[in-house]
PDB file of N, CA and C in Angstrom:
ATOM      1  N   MET A   1      -6.027  15.788   8.632  1.00  0.00           N
ATOM      2  CA  MET A   1      -5.101  14.760   8.212  1.00  0.00           C
ATOM      3  C   MET A   1      -3.693  15.319   8.260  1.00  0.00           C
ATOM      4  N   ALA A   2      -2.738  14.441   8.556  1.00  0.00           N
ATOM      5  CA  ALA A   2      -1.356  14.880   8.674  1.00  0.00           C
ATOM      6  C   ALA A   2      -0.421  13.862   8.035  1.00  0.00           C
ATOM      7  N   PHE A   3       0.706  14.370   7.491  1.00  0.00           N
ATOM      8  CA  PHE A   3       1.730  13.494   6.940  1.00  0.00           C
ATOM      9  C   PHE A   3       2.619  12.985   8.067  1.00  0.00           C
ATOM     10  N   HIS A   4       2.995  11.706   7.969  1.00  0.00           N
ATOM     11  CA  HIS A   4       3.863  11.062   8.955  1.00  0.00           C
ATOM     12  C   HIS A   4       5.038  10.423   8.220  1.00  0.00           C
ATOM     13  N   ARG A   5       6.232  10.559   8.795  1.00  0.00           N
ATOM     14  CA  ARG A   5       7.402   9.881   8.228  1.00  0.00           C
ATOM     15  C   ARG A   5       7.238   8.389   8.482  1.00  0.00           C
ATOM     16  N   VAL A   6       7.474   7.584   7.439  1.00  0.00           N
ATOM     17  CA  VAL A   6       7.274   6.142   7.568  1.00  0.00           C
ATOM     18  C   VAL A   6       8.571   5.362   7.427  1.00  0.00           C
ATOM     19  N   ILE A   7       9.348   5.663   6.381  1.00  0.00           N
ATOM     20  CA  ILE A   7      10.523   4.852   6.086  1.00  0.00           C
ATOM     21  C   ILE A   7      11.470   5.668   5.207  1.00  0.00           C
ATOM     22  N   ALA A   8      12.733   5.336   5.257  1.00  0.00           N
ATOM     23  CA  ALA A   8      13.687   5.954   4.330  1.00  0.00           C
ATOM     24  C   ALA A   8      13.440   5.386   2.939  1.00  0.00           C
ATOM     25  N   VAL A   9      13.511   6.226   1.925  1.00  0.00           N
ATOM     26  CA  VAL A   9      13.303   5.777   0.548  1.00  0.00           C
ATOM     27  C   VAL A   9      14.284   4.650   0.212  1.00  0.00           C
ATOM     28  N   ALA A  10      15.508   4.755   0.685  1.00  0.00           N
ATOM     29  CA  ALA A  10      16.529   3.746   0.398  1.00  0.00           C
ATOM     30  C   ALA A  10      16.190   2.379   0.989  1.00  0.00           C
ATOM     31  N   ASP A  11      15.328   2.342   1.989  1.00  0.00           N
ATOM     32  CA  ASP A  11      14.942   1.078   2.621  1.00  0.00           C
ATOM     33  C   ASP A  11      13.734   0.427   1.963  1.00  0.00           C
ATOM     34  N   LEU A  12      13.174   1.066   0.956  1.00  0.00           N
ATOM     35  CA  LEU A  12      12.003   0.537   0.249  1.00  0.00           C
ATOM     36  C   LEU A  12      12.413   0.261  -1.197  1.00  0.00           C
ATOM     37  N   TRP A  13      12.490  -1.008  -1.535  1.00  0.00           N
ATOM     38  CA  TRP A  13      12.955  -1.418  -2.862  1.00  0.00           C
ATOM     39  C   TRP A  13      11.778  -1.607  -3.801  1.00  0.00           C
ATOM     40  N   ASN A  14      12.039  -1.493  -5.101  1.00  0.00           N
ATOM     41  CA  ASN A  14      11.014  -1.782  -6.101  1.00  0.00           C
ATOM     42  C   ASN A  14      10.497  -3.209  -5.892  1.00  0.00           C
ATOM     43  N   GLY A  15       9.179  -3.348  -5.862  1.00  0.00           N
ATOM     44  CA  GLY A  15       8.551  -4.647  -5.662  1.00  0.00           C
ATOM     45  C   GLY A  15       8.345  -5.026  -4.210  1.00  0.00           C
ATOM     46  N   ASP A  16       8.785  -4.195  -3.283  1.00  0.00           N
ATOM     47  CA  ASP A  16       8.595  -4.477  -1.852  1.00  0.00           C
ATOM     48  C   ASP A  16       7.154  -4.215  -1.430  1.00  0.00           C
ATOM     49  N   LEU A  17       6.658  -5.030  -0.515  1.00  0.00           N
ATOM     50  CA  LEU A  17       5.403  -4.799   0.205  1.00  0.00           C
ATOM     51  C   LEU A  17       5.785  -4.578   1.661  1.00  0.00           C
ATOM     52  N   VAL A  18       5.505  -3.405   2.195  1.00  0.00           N
ATOM     53  CA  VAL A  18       5.893  -3.087   3.564  1.00  0.00           C
ATOM     54  C   VAL A  18       4.669  -2.634   4.348  1.00  0.00           C
ATOM     55  N   ALA A  19       4.429  -3.311   5.456  1.00  0.00           N
ATOM     56  CA  ALA A  19       3.341  -2.926   6.359  1.00  0.00           C
ATOM     57  C   ALA A  19       3.880  -1.936   7.375  1.00  0.00           C
ATOM     58  N   ALA A  20       3.077  -0.920   7.697  1.00  0.00           N
ATOM     59  CA  ALA A  20       3.483   0.076   8.681  1.00  0.00           C
ATOM     60  C   ALA A  20       2.268   0.577   9.444  1.00  0.00           C
ATOM     61  N   ASP A  21       2.486   0.902  10.703  1.00  0.00           N
ATOM     62  CA  ASP A  21       1.466   1.567  11.505  1.00  0.00           C
ATOM     63  C   ASP A  21       1.780   3.056  11.405  1.00  0.00           C
ATOM     64  N   VAL A  22       0.909   3.781  10.749  1.00  0.00           N
ATOM     65  CA  VAL A  22       1.139   5.204  10.505  1.00  0.00           C
ATOM     66  C   VAL A  22       0.073   5.996  11.248  1.00  0.00           C
ATOM     67  N   GLY A  23       0.449   6.592  12.365  1.00  0.00           N
ATOM     68  CA  GLY A  23      -0.505   7.369  13.149  1.00  0.00           C
ATOM     69  C   GLY A  23      -1.715   6.551  13.571  1.00  0.00           C
ATOM     70  N   GLY A  24      -1.517   5.256  13.837  1.00  0.00           N
ATOM     71  CA  GLY A  24      -2.612   4.380  14.255  1.00  0.00           C
ATOM     72  C   GLY A  24      -3.377   3.742  13.106  1.00  0.00           C
ATOM     73  N   THR A  25      -2.971   4.013  11.870  1.00  0.00           N
ATOM     74  CA  THR A  25      -3.614   3.436  10.688  1.00  0.00           C
ATOM     75  C   THR A  25      -2.688   2.389  10.082  1.00  0.00           C
ATOM     76  N   HIS A  26      -3.235   1.208   9.771  1.00  0.00           N
ATOM     77  CA  HIS A  26      -2.454   0.142   9.141  1.00  0.00           C
ATOM     78  C   HIS A  26      -2.327   0.435   7.653  1.00  0.00           C
ATOM     79  N   VAL A  27      -1.083   0.645   7.208  1.00  0.00           N
ATOM     80  CA  VAL A  27      -0.799   1.072   5.841  1.00  0.00           C
ATOM     81  C   VAL A  27       0.079   0.043   5.151  1.00  0.00           C
ATOM     82  N   LEU A  28      -0.164  -0.137   3.860  1.00  0.00           N
ATOM     83  CA  LEU A  28       0.681  -0.952   3.001  1.00  0.00           C
ATOM     84  C   LEU A  28       1.421  -0.011   2.063  1.00  0.00           C
ATOM     85  N   LEU A  29       2.750  -0.101   2.068  1.00  0.00           N
ATOM     86  CA  LEU A  29       3.569   0.646   1.115  1.00  0.00           C
ATOM     87  C   LEU A  29       4.061  -0.316   0.046  1.00  0.00           C
ATOM     88  N   VAL A  30       4.042   0.138  -1.187  1.00  0.00           N
ATOM     89  CA  VAL A  30       4.585  -0.646  -2.289  1.00  0.00           C
ATOM     90  C   VAL A  30       5.278   0.312  -3.239  1.00  0.00           C
ATOM     91  N   LYS A  31       6.442  -0.098  -3.726  1.00  0.00           N
ATOM     92  CA  LYS A  31       7.212   0.731  -4.642  1.00  0.00           C
ATOM     93  C   LYS A  31       7.275   0.019  -5.987  1.00  0.00           C
ATOM     94  N   ILE A  32       6.778   0.690  -7.025  1.00  0.00           N
ATOM     95  CA  ILE A  32       6.775   0.156  -8.384  1.00  0.00           C
ATOM     96  C   ILE A  32       7.405   1.206  -9.303  1.00  0.00           C
ATOM     97  N   ASP A  33       8.414   0.809 -10.062  1.00  0.00           N
ATOM     98  CA  ASP A  33       9.092   1.726 -10.984  1.00  0.00           C
ATOM     99  C   ASP A  33       9.512   3.023 -10.293  1.00  0.00           C
ATOM    100  N   ASP A  34      10.042   2.884  -9.081  1.00  0.00           N
ATOM    101  CA  ASP A  34      10.553   4.002  -8.274  1.00  0.00           C
ATOM    102  C   ASP A  34       9.481   4.974  -7.793  1.00  0.00           C
ATOM    103  N   VAL A  35       8.211   4.578  -7.863  1.00  0.00           N
ATOM    104  CA  VAL A  35       7.109   5.385  -7.336  1.00  0.00           C
ATOM    105  C   VAL A  35       6.510   4.648  -6.145  1.00  0.00           C
ATOM    106  N   VAL A  36       6.339   5.370  -5.036  1.00  0.00           N
ATOM    107  CA  VAL A  36       5.792   4.773  -3.819  1.00  0.00           C
ATOM    108  C   VAL A  36       4.286   5.004  -3.765  1.00  0.00           C
ATOM    109  N   HIS A  37       3.551   3.928  -3.473  1.00  0.00           N
ATOM    110  CA  HIS A  37       2.105   3.982  -3.334  1.00  0.00           C
ATOM    111  C   HIS A  37       1.766   3.527  -1.921  1.00  0.00           C
ATOM    112  N   ALA A  38       0.714   4.109  -1.343  1.00  0.00           N
ATOM    113  CA  ALA A  38       0.280   3.738   0.005  1.00  0.00           C
ATOM    114  C   ALA A  38      -1.220   3.461   0.003  1.00  0.00           C
ATOM    115  N   TYR A  39      -1.585   2.359   0.627  1.00  0.00           N
ATOM    116  CA  TYR A  39      -2.994   1.938   0.709  1.00  0.00           C
ATOM    117  C   TYR A  39      -3.293   1.439   2.110  1.00  0.00           C
ATOM    118  N   ALA A  40      -4.571   1.382   2.442  1.00  0.00           N
ATOM    119  CA  ALA A  40      -4.969   0.708   3.672  1.00  0.00           C
ATOM    120  C   ALA A  40      -4.531  -0.747   3.542  1.00  0.00           C
ATOM    121  N   ASN A  41      -3.920  -1.274   4.569  1.00  0.00           N
ATOM    122  CA  ASN A  41      -3.387  -2.639   4.537  1.00  0.00           C
ATOM    123  C   ASN A  41      -4.488  -3.654   4.841  1.00  0.00           C
ATOM    124  N   ARG A  42      -5.502  -3.664   3.958  1.00  0.00           N
ATOM    125  CA  ARG A  42      -6.613  -4.604   4.147  1.00  0.00           C
ATOM    126  C   ARG A  42      -7.295  -4.859   2.819  1.00  0.00           C
ATOM    127  N   CYS A  43      -7.557  -6.121   2.593  1.00  0.00           N
ATOM    128  CA  CYS A  43      -8.264  -6.525   1.383  1.00  0.00           C
ATOM    129  C   CYS A  43      -9.701  -6.030   1.465  1.00  0.00           C
ATOM    130  N   ALA A  44     -10.229  -5.601   0.337  1.00  0.00           N
ATOM    131  CA  ALA A  44     -11.618  -5.121   0.297  1.00  0.00           C
ATOM    132  C   ALA A  44     -12.625  -6.244   0.556  1.00  0.00           C
ATOM    133  N   HIS A  45     -12.201  -7.480   0.453  1.00  0.00           N
ATOM    134  CA  HIS A  45     -13.095  -8.621   0.633  1.00  0.00           C
ATOM    135  C   HIS A  45     -13.395  -8.861   2.113  1.00  0.00           C
ATOM    136  N   LEU A  46     -12.393  -9.298   2.879  1.00  0.00           N
ATOM    137  CA  LEU A  46     -12.610  -9.609   4.294  1.00  0.00           C
ATOM    138  C   LEU A  46     -11.635  -8.912   5.234  1.00  0.00           C
ATOM    139  N   GLY A  47     -10.885  -7.947   4.720  1.00  0.00           N
ATOM    140  CA  GLY A  47     -10.011  -7.164   5.589  1.00  0.00           C
ATOM    141  C   GLY A  47      -8.691  -7.824   5.940  1.00  0.00           C
ATOM    142  N   VAL A  48      -8.324  -8.899   5.247  1.00  0.00           N
ATOM    143  CA  VAL A  48      -7.048  -9.569   5.502  1.00  0.00           C
ATOM    144  C   VAL A  48      -5.906  -8.620   5.121  1.00  0.00           C
ATOM    145  N   ALA A  49      -4.800  -8.675   5.877  1.00  0.00           N
ATOM    146  CA  ALA A  49      -3.653  -7.800   5.609  1.00  0.00           C
ATOM    147  C   ALA A  49      -3.058  -8.109   4.240  1.00  0.00           C
ATOM    148  N   LEU A  50      -3.062  -7.121   3.351  1.00  0.00           N
ATOM    149  CA  LEU A  50      -2.516  -7.304   2.016  1.00  0.00           C
ATOM    150  C   LEU A  50      -1.004  -7.466   2.022  1.00  0.00           C
ATOM    151  N   SER A  51      -0.348  -7.030   3.073  1.00  0.00           N
ATOM    152  CA  SER A  51       1.101  -7.189   3.182  1.00  0.00           C
ATOM    153  C   SER A  51       1.490  -8.662   3.256  1.00  0.00           C
ATOM    154  N   GLU A  52       0.542  -9.540   3.557  1.00  0.00           N
ATOM    155  CA  GLU A  52       0.782 -10.985   3.599  1.00  0.00           C
ATOM    156  C   GLU A  52       0.591 -11.616   2.224  1.00  0.00           C
ATOM    157  N   GLY A  53       0.176 -10.817   1.242  1.00  0.00           N
ATOM    158  CA  GLY A  53      -0.084 -11.319  -0.102  1.00  0.00           C
ATOM    159  C   GLY A  53       1.184 -11.413  -0.931  1.00  0.00           C
ATOM    160  N   SER A  54       1.001 -11.626  -2.230  1.00  0.00           N
ATOM    161  CA  SER A  54       2.141 -11.738  -3.139  1.00  0.00           C
ATOM    162  C   SER A  54       1.993 -10.721  -4.264  1.00  0.00           C
ATOM    163  N   LEU A  55       3.135 -10.241  -4.750  1.00  0.00           N
ATOM    164  CA  LEU A  55       3.156  -9.242  -5.797  1.00  0.00           C
ATOM    165  C   LEU A  55       3.849  -9.825  -7.020  1.00  0.00           C
ATOM    166  N   ALA A  56       3.158  -9.787  -8.165  1.00  0.00           N
ATOM    167  CA  ALA A  56       3.731 -10.217  -9.436  1.00  0.00           C
ATOM    168  C   ALA A  56       3.597  -9.044 -10.396  1.00  0.00           C
ATOM    169  N   GLY A  57       4.709  -8.387 -10.685  1.00  0.00           N
ATOM    170  CA  GLY A  57       4.647  -7.168 -11.483  1.00  0.00           C
ATOM    171  C   GLY A  57       3.943  -6.094 -10.685  1.00  0.00           C
ATOM    172  N   ARG A  58       2.788  -5.668 -11.158  1.00  0.00           N
ATOM    173  CA  ARG A  58       2.013  -4.676 -10.410  1.00  0.00           C
ATOM    174  C   ARG A  58       0.699  -5.238  -9.889  1.00  0.00           C
ATOM    175  N   VAL A  59       0.541  -6.574  -9.944  1.00  0.00           N
ATOM    176  CA  VAL A  59      -0.677  -7.218  -9.452  1.00  0.00           C
ATOM    177  C   VAL A  59      -0.426  -7.832  -8.078  1.00  0.00           C
ATOM    178  N   LEU A  60      -1.151  -7.340  -7.098  1.00  0.00           N
ATOM    179  CA  LEU A  60      -1.080  -7.828  -5.723  1.00  0.00           C
ATOM    180  C   LEU A  60      -2.211  -8.816  -5.502  1.00  0.00           C
ATOM    181  N   THR A  61      -1.880 -10.012  -5.017  1.00  0.00           N
ATOM    182  CA  THR A  61      -2.872 -11.047  -4.754  1.00  0.00           C
ATOM    183  C   THR A  61      -2.987 -11.267  -3.256  1.00  0.00           C
ATOM    184  N   CYS A  62      -4.203 -11.147  -2.725  1.00  0.00           N
ATOM    185  CA  CYS A  62      -4.461 -11.365  -1.300  1.00  0.00           C
ATOM    186  C   CYS A  62      -4.195 -12.831  -0.962  1.00  0.00           C
ATOM    187  N   SER A  63      -3.603 -13.059   0.184  1.00  0.00           N
ATOM    188  CA  SER A  63      -3.246 -14.421   0.606  1.00  0.00           C
ATOM    189  C   SER A  63      -4.449 -15.262   0.996  1.00  0.00           C
ATOM    190  N   ALA A  64      -5.562 -14.653   1.333  1.00  0.00           N
ATOM    191  CA  ALA A  64      -6.701 -15.416   1.847  1.00  0.00           C
ATOM    192  C   ALA A  64      -7.589 -15.985   0.742  1.00  0.00           C
ATOM    193  N   HIS A  65      -8.127 -15.137  -0.094  1.00  0.00           N
ATOM    194  CA  HIS A  65      -9.091 -15.592  -1.097  1.00  0.00           C
ATOM    195  C   HIS A  65      -8.712 -15.190  -2.510  1.00  0.00           C
ATOM    196  N   HIS A  66      -7.455 -14.750  -2.669  1.00  0.00           N
ATOM    197  CA  HIS A  66      -6.857 -14.476  -3.978  1.00  0.00           C
ATOM    198  C   HIS A  66      -7.511 -13.349  -4.771  1.00  0.00           C
ATOM    199  N   TRP A  67      -8.133 -12.392  -4.064  1.00  0.00           N
ATOM    200  CA  TRP A  67      -8.562 -11.181  -4.766  1.00  0.00           C
ATOM    201  C   TRP A  67      -7.295 -10.483  -5.251  1.00  0.00           C
ATOM    202  N   GLN A  68      -7.394  -9.802  -6.394  1.00  0.00           N
ATOM    203  CA  GLN A  68      -6.219  -9.167  -6.982  1.00  0.00           C
ATOM    204  C   GLN A  68      -6.456  -7.680  -7.244  1.00  0.00           C
ATOM    205  N   TYR A  69      -5.364  -6.924  -7.091  1.00  0.00           N
ATOM    206  CA  TYR A  69      -5.415  -5.467  -7.252  1.00  0.00           C
ATOM    207  C   TYR A  69      -4.216  -4.994  -8.059  1.00  0.00           C
ATOM    208  N   ASP A  70      -4.411  -3.947  -8.844  1.00  0.00           N
ATOM    209  CA  ASP A  70      -3.323  -3.255  -9.516  1.00  0.00           C
ATOM    210  C   ASP A  70      -2.789  -2.232  -8.507  1.00  0.00           C
ATOM    211  N   VAL A  71      -1.545  -2.420  -8.056  1.00  0.00           N
ATOM    212  CA  VAL A  71      -1.026  -1.551  -6.999  1.00  0.00           C
ATOM    213  C   VAL A  71      -0.627  -0.165  -7.483  1.00  0.00           C
ATOM    214  N   VAL A  72      -0.618   0.061  -8.774  1.00  0.00           N
ATOM    215  CA  VAL A  72      -0.336   1.399  -9.285  1.00  0.00           C
ATOM    216  C   VAL A  72      -1.604   2.244  -9.272  1.00  0.00           C
ATOM    217  N   THR A  73      -2.731   1.648  -9.625  1.00  0.00           N
ATOM    218  CA  THR A  73      -3.992   2.388  -9.689  1.00  0.00           C
ATOM    219  C   THR A  73      -4.882   2.171  -8.467  1.00  0.00           C
ATOM    220  N   GLY A  74      -4.695   1.049  -7.771  1.00  0.00           N
ATOM    221  CA  GLY A  74      -5.562   0.704  -6.645  1.00  0.00           C
ATOM    222  C   GLY A  74      -6.846   0.010  -7.069  1.00  0.00           C
ATOM    223  N   ARG A  75      -7.037  -0.141  -8.364  1.00  0.00           N
ATOM    224  CA  ARG A  75      -8.262  -0.765  -8.900  1.00  0.00           C
ATOM    225  C   ARG A  75      -8.169  -2.277  -8.809  1.00  0.00           C
ATOM    226  N   GLY A  76      -9.342  -2.906  -8.677  1.00  0.00           N
ATOM    227  CA  GLY A  76      -9.408  -4.351  -8.646  1.00  0.00           C
ATOM    228  C   GLY A  76      -9.120  -4.956 -10.015  1.00  0.00           C
ATOM    229  N   VAL A  77      -8.467  -6.106  -9.997  1.00  0.00           N
ATOM    230  CA  VAL A  77      -8.226  -6.888 -11.203  1.00  0.00           C
ATOM    231  C   VAL A  77      -9.219  -8.050 -11.212  1.00  0.00           C
ATOM    232  N   ASN A  78      -9.348  -8.709 -10.057  1.00  0.00           N
ATOM    233  CA  ASN A  78     -10.272  -9.824  -9.903  1.00  0.00           C
ATOM    234  C   ASN A  78     -10.788  -9.835  -8.466  1.00  0.00           C
ATOM    235  N   PRO A  79     -11.984  -9.348  -8.222  1.00  0.00           N
ATOM    236  CA  PRO A  79     -12.929  -8.804  -9.187  1.00  0.00           C
ATOM    237  C   PRO A  79     -12.584  -7.348  -9.545  1.00  0.00           C
ATOM    238  N   ASP A  80     -13.042  -6.929 -10.706  1.00  0.00           N
ATOM    239  CA  ASP A  80     -12.718  -5.570 -11.151  1.00  0.00           C
ATOM    240  C   ASP A  80     -13.526  -4.495 -10.438  1.00  0.00           C
ATOM    241  N   SER A  81     -14.503  -4.907  -9.651  1.00  0.00           N
ATOM    242  CA  SER A  81     -15.311  -3.939  -8.892  1.00  0.00           C
ATOM    243  C   SER A  81     -14.652  -3.542  -7.569  1.00  0.00           C
ATOM    244  N   ALA A  82     -13.596  -4.253  -7.162  1.00  0.00           N
ATOM    245  CA  ALA A  82     -12.909  -3.958  -5.902  1.00  0.00           C
ATOM    246  C   ALA A  82     -12.018  -2.735  -6.069  1.00  0.00           C
ATOM    247  N   CYS A  83     -11.697  -2.100  -4.954  1.00  0.00           N
ATOM    248  CA  CYS A  83     -10.854  -0.917  -5.000  1.00  0.00           C
ATOM    249  C   CYS A  83     -10.136  -0.772  -3.662  1.00  0.00           C
ATOM    250  N   LEU A  84      -8.870  -0.378  -3.706  1.00  0.00           N
ATOM    251  CA  LEU A  84      -8.109  -0.145  -2.484  1.00  0.00           C
ATOM    252  C   LEU A  84      -8.270   1.296  -2.029  1.00  0.00           C
ATOM    253  N   SER A  85      -8.156   1.506  -0.726  1.00  0.00           N
ATOM    254  CA  SER A  85      -8.201   2.862  -0.167  1.00  0.00           C
ATOM    255  C   SER A  85      -6.797   3.447  -0.191  1.00  0.00           C
ATOM    256  N   ARG A  86      -6.618   4.498  -0.967  1.00  0.00           N
ATOM    257  CA  ARG A  86      -5.301   5.104  -1.181  1.00  0.00           C
ATOM    258  C   ARG A  86      -5.050   6.239  -0.190  1.00  0.00           C
ATOM    259  N   PHE A  87      -3.779   6.390   0.192  1.00  0.00           N
ATOM    260  CA  PHE A  87      -3.340   7.504   1.015  1.00  0.00           C
ATOM    261  C   PHE A  87      -2.320   8.330   0.229  1.00  0.00           C
ATOM    262  N   PRO A  88      -2.344   9.648   0.389  1.00  0.00           N
ATOM    263  CA  PRO A  88      -1.352  10.500  -0.271  1.00  0.00           C
ATOM    264  C   PRO A  88       0.064  10.217   0.247  1.00  0.00           C
ATOM    265  N   VAL A  89       1.027  10.284  -0.675  1.00  0.00           N
ATOM    266  CA  VAL A  89       2.436  10.039  -0.362  1.00  0.00           C
ATOM    267  C   VAL A  89       3.253  11.224  -0.850  1.00  0.00           C
ATOM    268  N   LYS A  90       4.276  11.595  -0.076  1.00  0.00           N
ATOM    269  CA  LYS A  90       5.259  12.566  -0.552  1.00  0.00           C
ATOM    270  C   LYS A  90       6.642  12.093  -0.110  1.00  0.00           C
ATOM    271  N   ILE A  91       7.625  12.478  -0.905  1.00  0.00           N
ATOM    272  CA  ILE A  91       9.013  12.131  -0.618  1.00  0.00           C
ATOM    273  C   ILE A  91       9.736  13.430  -0.299  1.00  0.00           C
ATOM    274  N   GLU A  92      10.365  13.481   0.880  1.00  0.00           N
ATOM    275  CA  GLU A  92      11.116  14.672   1.302  1.00  0.00           C
ATOM    276  C   GLU A  92      12.340  14.236   2.076  1.00  0.00           C
ATOM    277  N   GLY A  93      13.464  14.832   1.767  1.00  0.00           N
ATOM    278  CA  GLY A  93      14.677  14.562   2.533  1.00  0.00           C
ATOM    279  C   GLY A  93      15.048  13.094   2.573  1.00  0.00           C
ATOM    280  N   GLY A  94      14.767  12.359   1.516  1.00  0.00           N
ATOM    281  CA  GLY A  94      15.123  10.945   1.456  1.00  0.00           C
ATOM    282  C   GLY A  94      14.201  10.035   2.238  1.00  0.00           C
ATOM    283  N   ALA A  95      13.040  10.550   2.647  1.00  0.00           N
ATOM    284  CA  ALA A  95      12.097   9.746   3.429  1.00  0.00           C
ATOM    285  C   ALA A  95      10.721   9.742   2.766  1.00  0.00           C
ATOM    286  N   VAL A  96       9.971   8.685   3.043  1.00  0.00           N
ATOM    287  CA  VAL A  96       8.588   8.539   2.570  1.00  0.00           C
ATOM    288  C   VAL A  96       7.670   9.030   3.676  1.00  0.00           C
ATOM    289  N   PHE A  97       6.757   9.927   3.324  1.00  0.00           N
ATOM    290  CA  PHE A  97       5.734  10.425   4.236  1.00  0.00           C
ATOM    291  C   PHE A  97       4.377  10.040   3.684  1.00  0.00           C
ATOM    292  N   VAL A  98       3.488   9.601   4.577  1.00  0.00           N
ATOM    293  CA  VAL A  98       2.135   9.203   4.191  1.00  0.00           C
ATOM    294  C   VAL A  98       1.143  10.028   5.003  1.00  0.00           C
ATOM    295  N   GLU A  99       0.099  10.505   4.325  1.00  0.00           N
ATOM    296  CA  GLU A  99      -0.940  11.276   4.993  1.00  0.00           C
ATOM    297  C   GLU A  99      -2.099  10.350   5.344  1.00  0.00           C
ATOM    298  N   VAL A 100      -2.400  10.274   6.633  1.00  0.00           N
ATOM    299  CA  VAL A 100      -3.522   9.456   7.111  1.00  0.00           C
ATOM    300  C   VAL A 100      -4.463  10.318   7.934  1.00  0.00           C
ATOM    301  N   PRO A 101      -5.724   9.878   8.082  1.00  0.00           N
ATOM    302  CA  PRO A 101      -6.666  10.646   8.901  1.00  0.00           C
ATOM    303  C   PRO A 101      -6.186  10.700  10.358  1.00  0.00           C
ATOM    304  N   ASP A 102      -6.485  11.807  11.012  1.00  0.00           N
ATOM    305  CA  ASP A 102      -6.180  11.927  12.438  1.00  0.00           C
ATOM    306  C   ASP A 102      -7.107  11.016  13.221  1.00  0.00           C
ATOM    307  N   GLU A 103      -6.548  10.449  14.298  1.00  0.00           N
ATOM    308  CA  GLU A 103      -7.377   9.579  15.149  1.00  0.00           C
ATOM    309  C   GLU A 103      -8.369  10.373  15.947  1.00  0.00           C
TER     310      GLU A 103
END
C-alpha cells in the first residue's frame, strides 16, 4: 500500500464531501472538525457513490436508499450493522495523502 497526494488541505472545507480517484481506488474524503477522513466511495448496501449523498453534522446519508453512516467513526447509524471501509490519511506540507491498496 502507498500514500497518494489527493488534495490541498485548504481546498477541503469542514463538511465537504469530495470524491477522488486515488491510485485507481474510488475514495470519499470528508472533513469534520478539521480532521480529514477517507473511505471507499461506496455505500455498503448497493455500492452507490456516497459522494452523491448528503451530510448533516457527522451523519452521511446515501442518496439511493438512505442508509446512514457516522463519518467520524465509519460505523453505520441506520442500519447500525453497516460499516464503511476506511483508508489511512496523513497531512504533510499542506496536502492530504491517502493510503490505498496497490493495484
